[in-house]
Amino acid sequence: MVITSRTVNVILNFSISLAGCLYGYNIGAISGILLFVQKQMLISHAEASFFVSAFLWGIVFAMIASGLLAEKFGRKKIILFGVFTEIISIFVMGSSSDIHQLMIGRFMIGVSCGLITFSAPIYLTEALPEHIRGRGTVAYQLFITFGILFATIVCWYYVNSASWRAVVYIELLPAIFLLSIAFLIPESPRWLALQGKMADAVRVLALTRNKESAEAILNEISQRQTDHYRISHIKAIFKKEFIVPLVLAILLGTLNQLTGINAFLQYDAVILLKSGFDTHNAALTGSLLIAGLNFLMTIPSMYFADHFERKKLLRCTLIGVIFCLAGLVASSLLINSTSVKGVLVTALLLGFIACFAAGPGALIWTLRSEILPTKIRSIGLSLSLIMSSSAGALFSATFLPLQHRIGLDGIFIFCACIALLYFGLTFFLPKTSQRSLEEIEKHFIEKA
């Protein structure tokens, strides 16, 4: 049996994208876990908020070292190490007996997931051919949304028993499966080339492309290996041609988080309870609808990402995000009837999720990875993820106290303003669809 490059790309895409399921599961599960824990333990708003955000703080901690680790040891090894430590962390969280141990366990899972979340999109960006690169990294986002949906279904199933330990341990299923298949994938060809392992890079490129395409990519990579390009990774980020893509990547990730997406997904049951739903069962049913739509709207993005210019698609969907956030502000301020408000808030949250999943949610991993030059991709993505994860963690950690001080309408106003800034940023992005990573890098060099 002859294994074609298309088959190899499908296997690579599925194997690495599955890592997104772990990230998504931890985002989706916390909404139900928080409700269950609050039933069994007396915890303050501050403790609840920090418990929720501990996962994102763990990601921030992981990102501090992820860039250097991925450069030294390779993308594949960091993914494997991250999955192995996540399995251990799941047992730590599942065996916790109080809120403080739960925080530690969730923080450890965040550290493990941060290593995976950092390395997987880089791997897909560097390993897949340009004509399916967008589809490949959107597949990673698709698995994130599937993880959120899967976790929400699990929480909904356990709503009557409030068994949060069962919800935690079920994450072992995707983690063990990913660990078993991640051993079989090759290392990123571009990382191999940067290490001077050209023969290995050629071998991997030949697996994923036809001969002509593999030779062309290798030639482009070789042309970048000049004395000028061999400066250290730390010094490289301060060079003129690298500063602009680095700043764009940081702003993309940070604004993406501050639109409220992770906070809304983690607190959706709480938001629905505050907006008119009167039972945990009803709130988790609404949460299930949100998670389901988030997953479904990511599927068409796999097609759109490689058939439309990515920055234009991002721009169009952000208009929908802004419109829905404006509607949430109006509903919170103007509607007094709890039943009507509950329906409106749910509908507008669904609209927000649909627009976000089709654009910013699906494209962020692709755009952020491909605009960063190969030389600084690891450290640049690390800095971007540190900033974006810090912003998301801070938002999650202060969500409940903020909601008590300024109300949901105040939070929605803040998110709408951020979405407007995000829309403006899209005009500074280069064209990336159907272009090799080296061509995108050349664009920034010429601009500099």
Protein backbone atom coordinates (compact mmCIF):
# COMPACT_ATOMS: atom_id res chain seq x y z
CA MET A 1 0.00 0.00 0.00
CA VAL A 2 1.38 3.40 -1.04
CA ILE A 3 0.85 6.15 1.51
CA THR A 4 0.29 9.47 -0.26
CA SER A 5 1.26 12.91 1.02
CA ARG A 6 -2.44 13.68 1.39
CA THR A 7 -2.87 10.72 3.76
CA VAL A 8 0.17 11.80 5.78
CA ASN A 9 -1.19 15.35 6.07
CA VAL A 10 -4.57 14.06 7.27
CA ILE A 11 -2.87 11.88 9.92
CA LEU A 12 -0.63 14.73 11.08
CA ASN A 13 -3.54 17.15 11.15
CA PHE A 14 -5.77 14.84 13.17
CA SER A 15 -3.01 13.78 15.58
CA ILE A 16 -1.87 17.28 16.50
CA SER A 17 -5.30 18.92 16.33
CA LEU A 18 -6.54 16.44 18.92
CA ALA A 19 -4.41 18.40 21.40
CA GLY A 20 -6.98 21.20 21.12
CA CYS A 21 -9.56 18.88 22.71
CA LEU A 22 -7.68 19.03 26.03
CA TYR A 23 -7.66 22.84 26.03
CA GLY A 24 -11.34 22.97 25.08
CA TYR A 25 -12.37 20.40 27.69
CA ASN A 26 -10.88 22.50 30.49
CA ILE A 27 -12.63 25.64 29.22
CA GLY A 28 -16.00 23.90 28.85
CA ALA A 29 -15.92 21.77 31.99
CA ILE A 30 -15.31 24.57 34.46
CA SER A 31 -18.78 26.09 34.05
CA GLY A 32 -20.41 22.91 35.38
CA ILE A 33 -17.63 22.05 37.84
CA LEU A 34 -17.99 25.50 39.44
CA LEU A 35 -21.74 24.98 39.94
CA PHE A 36 -21.11 21.51 41.42
CA VAL A 37 -18.29 22.69 43.72
CA GLN A 38 -20.39 25.61 44.96
CA LYS A 39 -23.07 23.08 45.97
CA GLN A 40 -20.59 21.12 48.07
CA MET A 41 -18.18 23.77 49.38
CA LEU A 42 -18.67 27.22 50.86
CA ILE A 43 -16.48 29.45 48.67
CA SER A 44 -16.33 33.21 48.14
CA HIS A 45 -16.69 35.05 44.81
CA ALA A 46 -12.94 35.73 44.85
CA GLU A 47 -12.13 32.02 45.42
CA ALA A 48 -14.56 30.97 42.69
CA SER A 49 -13.05 33.45 40.22
CA PHE A 50 -9.49 32.40 40.99
CA PHE A 51 -10.44 28.73 40.73
CA VAL A 52 -11.83 29.37 37.24
CA SER A 53 -8.85 31.49 36.15
CA ALA A 54 -6.17 29.17 37.64
CA PHE A 55 -6.14 27.20 34.38
CA LEU A 56 -5.28 30.33 32.38
CA TRP A 57 -2.68 31.43 34.94
CA GLY A 58 -1.10 28.00 34.51
CA ILE A 59 -0.95 28.61 30.76
CA VAL A 60 0.72 31.98 31.38
CA PHE A 61 3.34 30.27 33.57
CA ALA A 62 3.99 27.64 30.88
CA MET A 63 4.38 30.25 28.15
CA ILE A 64 7.34 31.85 29.95
CA ALA A 65 9.51 28.88 29.08
CA SER A 66 7.64 27.29 26.15
CA GLY A 67 9.34 29.30 23.42
CA LEU A 68 12.87 28.42 24.52
CA LEU A 69 11.93 24.79 25.24
CA ALA A 70 10.34 24.35 21.80
CA GLU A 71 13.46 25.83 20.15
CA LYS A 72 15.82 23.57 22.09
CA PHE A 73 13.93 20.27 22.13
CA GLY A 74 11.53 20.57 19.17
CA ARG A 75 7.77 20.89 18.82
CA LYS A 76 6.98 17.16 19.05
CA LYS A 77 8.82 16.54 22.34
CA ILE A 78 7.09 19.48 24.05
CA ILE A 79 3.68 18.16 22.96
CA LEU A 80 4.51 14.72 24.36
CA PHE A 81 5.82 16.13 27.64
CA GLY A 82 2.77 18.38 27.99
CA VAL A 83 0.31 15.50 27.52
CA PHE A 84 2.20 13.26 29.97
CA THR A 85 2.23 15.93 32.70
CA GLU A 86 -1.45 16.71 32.04
CA ILE A 87 -2.38 13.11 32.82
CA ILE A 88 -0.59 13.43 36.17
CA SER A 89 -2.27 16.81 36.82
CA ILE A 90 -5.74 15.36 36.21
CA PHE A 91 -5.19 12.88 39.06
CA VAL A 92 -3.99 15.74 41.31
CA MET A 93 -7.16 17.77 40.67
CA GLY A 94 -9.47 14.76 40.84
CA SER A 95 -8.16 13.76 44.29
CA SER A 96 -8.51 17.27 45.78
CA SER A 97 -10.48 17.67 49.01
CA ASP A 98 -10.85 21.47 49.27
CA ILE A 99 -10.96 24.56 47.04
CA HIS A 100 -7.27 25.36 47.51
CA GLN A 101 -6.18 21.91 46.34
CA LEU A 102 -8.59 22.27 43.43
CA MET A 103 -6.91 25.55 42.49
CA ILE A 104 -3.48 23.88 42.55
CA GLY A 105 -4.71 20.98 40.42
CA ARG A 106 -6.35 23.28 37.88
CA PHE A 107 -3.20 25.45 37.77
CA MET A 108 -1.08 22.34 37.06
CA ILE A 109 -3.43 21.30 34.26
CA GLY A 110 -3.07 24.84 32.87
CA VAL A 111 0.74 24.52 32.86
CA SER A 112 0.54 21.19 31.04
CA CYS A 113 -2.07 22.42 28.58
CA GLY A 114 -0.02 25.58 27.99
CA LEU A 115 2.93 23.53 26.72
CA ILE A 116 0.62 21.67 24.33
CA THR A 117 -1.32 24.78 23.27
CA PHE A 118 1.93 26.52 22.43
CA SER A 119 3.55 23.74 20.41
CA ALA A 120 0.61 22.27 18.48
CA PRO A 121 -0.31 25.34 16.33
CA ILE A 122 3.38 25.96 15.53
CA TYR A 123 3.77 22.34 14.47
CA LEU A 124 0.74 22.49 12.17
CA THR A 125 1.84 25.82 10.68
CA GLU A 126 5.36 24.55 9.94
CA ALA A 127 4.53 21.01 8.83
CA LEU A 128 1.47 21.39 6.57
CA PRO A 129 1.61 22.69 2.96
CA GLU A 130 0.40 26.27 2.43
CA HIS A 131 -2.72 25.24 0.47
CA ILE A 132 -4.13 23.44 3.55
CA ARG A 133 -2.33 25.36 6.31
CA GLY A 134 -5.40 27.43 7.17
CA ARG A 135 -7.62 24.36 7.22
CA GLY A 136 -5.09 22.55 9.40
CA THR A 137 -4.87 25.14 12.15
CA VAL A 138 -8.64 25.70 12.03
CA ALA A 139 -8.94 21.94 12.65
CA TYR A 140 -7.04 22.56 15.88
CA GLN A 141 -9.65 25.17 16.83
CA LEU A 142 -12.39 22.72 15.80
CA PHE A 143 -11.06 20.22 18.33
CA ILE A 144 -11.00 22.98 20.95
CA THR A 145 -14.70 23.64 20.33
CA PHE A 146 -15.38 19.89 20.32
CA GLY A 147 -13.62 19.66 23.70
CA ILE A 148 -15.84 22.45 25.03
CA LEU A 149 -18.96 20.72 23.70
CA PHE A 150 -17.88 17.32 25.05
CA ALA A 151 -17.20 18.81 28.50
CA THR A 152 -20.56 20.61 28.53
CA ILE A 153 -22.38 17.37 27.66
CA VAL A 154 -20.52 15.59 30.48
CA CYS A 155 -21.48 18.35 32.97
CA TRP A 156 -25.09 18.25 31.80
CA TYR A 157 -25.11 14.45 32.32
CA TYR A 158 -23.85 14.81 35.89
CA VAL A 159 -26.02 17.82 36.82
CA ASN A 160 -28.21 15.83 39.22
CA SER A 161 -25.36 14.06 41.02
CA ALA A 162 -23.05 17.11 40.89
CA SER A 163 -20.10 14.68 40.55
CA TRP A 164 -17.29 17.08 39.63
CA ARG A 165 -14.63 14.38 40.14
CA ALA A 166 -16.17 12.29 37.35
CA VAL A 167 -16.07 15.34 35.07
CA VAL A 168 -12.35 15.80 35.85
CA TYR A 169 -11.36 12.15 35.31
CA ILE A 170 -13.17 11.79 31.96
CA GLU A 171 -10.51 14.09 30.46
CA LEU A 172 -8.13 11.13 30.75
CA LEU A 173 -9.77 9.59 27.65
CA PRO A 174 -8.54 12.16 25.06
CA ALA A 175 -5.26 12.68 26.97
CA ILE A 176 -4.23 9.01 26.87
CA PHE A 177 -5.32 8.66 23.24
CA LEU A 178 -3.27 11.70 22.21
CA LEU A 179 -0.22 10.44 24.12
CA SER A 180 -0.40 7.10 22.32
CA ILE A 181 -0.50 8.53 18.79
CA ALA A 182 1.81 11.55 19.27
CA PHE A 183 4.83 9.22 19.42
CA LEU A 184 4.28 8.30 15.76
CA ILE A 185 4.44 11.77 14.17
CA PRO A 186 7.68 13.23 12.73
CA GLU A 187 9.30 16.45 13.96
CA SER A 188 8.55 19.82 12.30
CA PRO A 189 10.65 20.11 9.09
CA ARG A 190 11.36 23.81 9.64
CA TRP A 191 12.62 23.17 13.17
CA LEU A 192 14.84 20.40 11.82
CA ALA A 193 16.21 22.80 9.18
CA LEU A 194 16.95 25.46 11.81
CA GLN A 195 18.95 22.84 13.73
CA GLY A 196 21.00 22.11 10.59
CA LYS A 197 19.37 18.67 10.14
CA MET A 198 18.68 19.17 6.44
CA ALA A 199 18.50 15.47 5.59
CA ASP A 200 15.77 14.92 8.19
CA ALA A 201 13.95 18.07 7.04
CA VAL A 202 13.98 16.79 3.43
CA ARG A 203 12.60 13.44 4.57
CA VAL A 204 9.66 15.06 6.43
CA LEU A 205 8.96 17.52 3.60
CA ALA A 206 8.87 14.61 1.14
CA LEU A 207 6.19 12.95 3.27
CA THR A 208 3.87 15.96 3.21
CA ARG A 209 4.45 17.39 -0.31
CA ASN A 210 5.29 16.35 -3.84
CA LYS A 211 8.95 16.37 -4.83
CA GLU A 212 8.89 19.77 -6.60
CA SER A 213 7.13 21.52 -3.72
CA ALA A 214 9.46 19.95 -1.14
CA GLU A 215 12.55 21.11 -3.06
CA ALA A 216 11.15 24.64 -3.45
CA ILE A 217 10.40 24.94 0.28
CA LEU A 218 13.82 23.58 1.22
CA ASN A 219 15.46 26.10 -1.12
CA GLU A 220 13.52 28.97 0.50
CA ILE A 221 14.50 27.73 3.96
CA SER A 222 18.15 27.46 2.93
CA GLN A 223 18.16 31.02 1.61
CA ARG A 224 17.13 32.21 5.06
CA GLN A 225 20.07 30.49 6.73
CA THR A 226 22.43 33.43 6.30
CA ASP A 227 24.81 34.82 8.93
CA HIS A 228 22.35 37.70 9.36
CA TYR A 229 19.58 35.20 10.10
CA ARG A 230 21.61 33.17 12.61
CA ILE A 231 21.52 35.83 15.32
CA SER A 232 20.13 34.62 18.64
CA HIS A 233 16.38 34.32 19.03
CA ILE A 234 16.29 36.91 21.83
CA LYS A 235 18.21 39.51 19.80
CA ALA A 236 16.18 38.74 16.68
CA ILE A 237 12.90 40.03 18.14
CA PHE A 238 14.38 43.54 18.32
CA LYS A 239 15.31 43.69 14.64
CA LYS A 240 13.20 46.04 12.54
CA GLU A 241 11.76 43.38 10.21
CA PHE A 242 10.64 41.24 13.18
CA ILE A 243 9.14 43.89 15.47
CA VAL A 244 5.99 44.57 13.40
CA PRO A 245 4.86 40.90 13.08
CA LEU A 246 5.66 40.36 16.77
CA VAL A 247 3.53 43.34 17.87
CA LEU A 248 0.70 42.24 15.54
CA ALA A 249 0.79 38.69 16.97
CA ILE A 250 0.68 40.02 20.54
CA LEU A 251 -2.21 42.39 19.82
CA LEU A 252 -4.14 39.71 17.91
CA GLY A 253 -4.01 37.31 20.84
CA THR A 254 -4.67 39.90 23.56
CA LEU A 255 -7.65 41.55 21.86
CA ASN A 256 -9.01 38.12 20.97
CA GLN A 257 -9.16 37.25 24.68
CA LEU A 258 -10.54 40.60 25.83
CA THR A 259 -13.59 40.31 23.59
CA GLY A 260 -14.72 38.07 26.45
CA ILE A 261 -14.82 34.71 24.67
CA ASN A 262 -13.14 32.55 27.33
CA ALA A 263 -14.86 34.36 30.19
CA PHE A 264 -18.27 33.92 28.52
CA LEU A 265 -17.63 30.22 27.83
CA GLN A 266 -16.42 29.58 31.38
CA TYR A 267 -19.18 31.61 33.05
CA ASP A 268 -22.01 31.07 30.55
CA ALA A 269 -24.10 29.14 33.10
CA VAL A 270 -23.56 31.94 35.64
CA ILE A 271 -24.49 34.61 33.06
CA LEU A 272 -27.67 32.74 32.13
CA LEU A 273 -28.63 32.32 35.79
CA LYS A 274 -28.17 36.08 36.32
CA SER A 275 -30.18 36.85 33.17
CA GLY A 276 -33.37 35.00 34.05
CA PHE A 277 -32.82 31.22 34.11
CA ASP A 278 -34.04 29.87 37.44
CA THR A 279 -32.39 26.41 37.74
CA HIS A 280 -28.92 24.93 37.23
CA ASN A 281 -30.40 22.37 34.83
CA ALA A 282 -31.87 25.12 32.63
CA ALA A 283 -28.62 27.14 32.75
CA LEU A 284 -26.53 24.11 31.76
CA THR A 285 -28.96 23.37 28.93
CA GLY A 286 -28.38 26.90 27.64
CA SER A 287 -24.65 26.33 28.10
CA LEU A 288 -24.96 23.16 26.01
CA LEU A 289 -26.61 25.13 23.19
CA ILE A 290 -23.76 27.67 23.27
CA ALA A 291 -21.07 24.95 23.20
CA GLY A 292 -22.86 23.10 20.40
CA LEU A 293 -23.12 26.20 18.22
CA ASN A 294 -19.49 27.05 18.94
CA PHE A 295 -18.50 23.64 17.55
CA LEU A 296 -20.83 23.70 14.54
CA MET A 297 -19.80 27.20 13.40
CA THR A 298 -16.13 26.22 13.41
CA ILE A 299 -16.71 23.46 10.82
CA PRO A 300 -17.41 25.77 7.82
CA SER A 301 -14.38 27.84 8.83
CA MET A 302 -12.17 24.93 7.77
CA TYR A 303 -13.35 25.61 4.21
CA PHE A 304 -13.40 29.40 4.45
CA ALA A 305 -9.88 29.66 5.89
CA ASP A 306 -8.23 28.44 2.67
CA HIS A 307 -10.74 29.79 0.12
CA PHE A 308 -11.07 33.40 1.34
CA GLU A 309 -8.46 35.91 2.40
CA ARG A 310 -8.14 35.42 6.13
CA LYS A 311 -7.95 39.05 7.22
CA LYS A 312 -11.14 39.88 5.26
CA LEU A 313 -12.96 36.95 6.82
CA LEU A 314 -11.79 38.11 10.24
CA ARG A 315 -13.03 41.64 9.53
CA CYS A 316 -16.51 40.50 8.43
CA THR A 317 -17.10 38.25 11.43
CA LEU A 318 -15.90 40.92 13.87
CA ILE A 319 -18.73 43.16 12.62
CA GLY A 320 -21.15 40.46 13.79
CA VAL A 321 -19.34 40.19 17.13
CA ILE A 322 -19.66 43.97 17.68
CA PHE A 323 -23.35 43.92 16.76
CA CYS A 324 -24.13 41.08 19.22
CA LEU A 325 -22.18 42.73 22.06
CA ALA A 326 -24.09 45.97 21.45
CA GLY A 327 -27.32 43.95 21.64
CA LEU A 328 -26.23 42.38 24.94
CA VAL A 329 -25.59 45.86 26.36
CA ALA A 330 -29.05 47.02 25.29
CA SER A 331 -30.75 43.90 26.69
CA SER A 332 -29.03 44.24 30.06
CA LEU A 333 -29.87 47.96 30.36
CA LEU A 334 -33.35 48.19 28.84
CA ILE A 335 -35.16 44.88 29.47
CA ASN A 336 -36.70 44.44 32.91
CA SER A 337 -38.67 41.22 32.42
CA THR A 338 -36.42 38.34 33.53
CA SER A 339 -38.02 35.81 31.15
CA VAL A 340 -37.67 38.10 28.11
CA LYS A 341 -34.16 39.12 29.13
CA GLY A 342 -33.14 35.47 29.52
CA VAL A 343 -34.29 34.64 25.99
CA LEU A 344 -32.66 37.74 24.47
CA VAL A 345 -29.34 37.28 26.29
CA THR A 346 -29.23 33.62 25.23
CA ALA A 347 -30.00 34.51 21.59
CA LEU A 348 -27.39 37.27 21.48
CA LEU A 349 -24.78 35.10 23.23
CA LEU A 350 -25.45 32.45 20.59
CA GLY A 351 -25.00 35.12 17.88
CA PHE A 352 -21.75 36.27 19.49
CA ILE A 353 -20.46 32.68 19.69
CA ALA A 354 -21.46 31.98 16.05
CA CYS A 355 -19.63 35.04 14.70
CA PHE A 356 -16.62 34.52 16.94
CA ALA A 357 -16.29 30.82 16.08
CA ALA A 358 -16.49 31.52 12.34
CA GLY A 359 -13.82 34.23 12.44
CA PRO A 360 -11.63 35.24 15.40
CA GLY A 361 -11.88 31.88 17.16
CA ALA A 362 -11.04 29.82 14.08
CA LEU A 363 -8.38 32.09 12.57
CA ILE A 364 -6.39 33.26 15.60
CA TRP A 365 -4.10 30.21 15.71
CA THR A 366 -3.45 30.38 11.97
CA LEU A 367 -2.80 34.12 11.70
CA ARG A 368 -0.72 34.39 14.84
CA SER A 369 1.56 31.52 13.83
CA GLU A 370 1.98 32.34 10.14
CA ILE A 371 2.74 36.08 10.43
CA LEU A 372 5.65 35.33 12.80
CA PRO A 373 8.93 34.65 10.93
CA THR A 374 10.47 31.20 11.45
CA LYS A 375 13.43 32.66 13.33
CA ILE A 376 11.24 34.11 16.08
CA ARG A 377 8.13 31.94 15.73
CA SER A 378 8.67 30.04 18.97
CA ILE A 379 9.66 32.98 21.17
CA GLY A 380 7.21 35.32 19.39
CA LEU A 381 4.28 32.97 19.88
CA SER A 382 5.40 32.47 23.47
CA LEU A 383 5.27 36.24 24.10
CA SER A 384 1.91 36.49 22.31
CA LEU A 385 0.43 33.67 24.36
CA ILE A 386 1.84 35.07 27.61
CA MET A 387 0.11 38.39 26.95
CA SER A 388 -3.15 36.90 25.67
CA SER A 389 -3.35 34.24 28.40
CA SER A 390 -2.58 36.87 31.05
CA ALA A 391 -5.37 39.06 29.68
CA GLY A 392 -7.78 36.10 29.61
CA ALA A 393 -6.77 34.95 33.09
CA LEU A 394 -7.14 38.45 34.54
CA PHE A 395 -10.56 38.80 32.92
CA SER A 396 -11.69 35.43 34.29
CA ALA A 397 -10.23 36.14 37.74
CA THR A 398 -12.10 39.45 38.03
CA PHE A 399 -15.30 38.50 36.20
CA LEU A 400 -17.51 37.80 39.22
CA PRO A 401 -16.26 40.79 41.28
CA LEU A 402 -16.64 43.01 38.20
CA GLN A 403 -20.12 41.69 37.56
CA HIS A 404 -21.10 42.68 41.11
CA ARG A 405 -19.58 46.15 40.76
CA ILE A 406 -20.45 47.26 37.19
CA GLY A 407 -23.04 44.67 36.19
CA LEU A 408 -23.16 42.49 33.10
CA ASP A 409 -23.95 45.56 30.99
CA GLY A 410 -20.63 47.15 32.04
CA ILE A 411 -18.73 44.01 31.06
CA PHE A 412 -20.51 43.87 27.68
CA ILE A 413 -19.66 47.55 27.00
CA PHE A 414 -15.97 46.88 27.71
CA CYS A 415 -15.96 43.85 25.38
CA ALA A 416 -17.68 45.83 22.60
CA CYS A 417 -14.98 48.54 22.78
CA ILE A 418 -12.26 45.87 22.57
CA ALA A 419 -13.98 44.32 19.53
CA LEU A 420 -13.91 47.73 17.80
CA LEU A 421 -10.14 47.97 18.41
CA TYR A 422 -9.75 44.43 17.12
CA PHE A 423 -11.60 45.37 13.92
CA GLY A 424 -9.21 48.29 13.37
CA LEU A 425 -6.19 45.99 13.81
CA THR A 426 -7.25 43.84 10.84
CA PHE A 427 -6.27 46.65 8.44
CA PHE A 428 -2.61 46.20 9.44
CA LEU A 429 -2.47 42.46 8.68
CA PRO A 430 -0.79 41.21 5.48
CA LYS A 431 -2.34 38.81 2.98
CA THR A 432 -1.53 35.28 4.16
CA SER A 433 -3.84 32.91 2.25
CA GLN A 434 -2.10 30.73 -0.37
CA ARG A 435 1.33 32.16 0.53
CA SER A 436 4.28 30.23 1.93
CA LEU A 437 5.63 31.22 5.33
CA GLU A 438 8.77 32.50 3.61
CA GLU A 439 6.69 34.76 1.33
CA ILE A 440 4.85 36.24 4.33
CA GLU A 441 8.18 36.82 6.05
CA LYS A 442 9.54 38.53 2.91
CA HIS A 443 6.57 40.94 3.03
CA PHE A 444 7.65 42.21 6.47
CA ILE A 445 11.30 42.41 5.44
CA GLU A 446 10.40 44.55 2.42
CA LYS A 447 8.17 46.79 4.53
CA ALA A 448 10.97 47.25 7.05
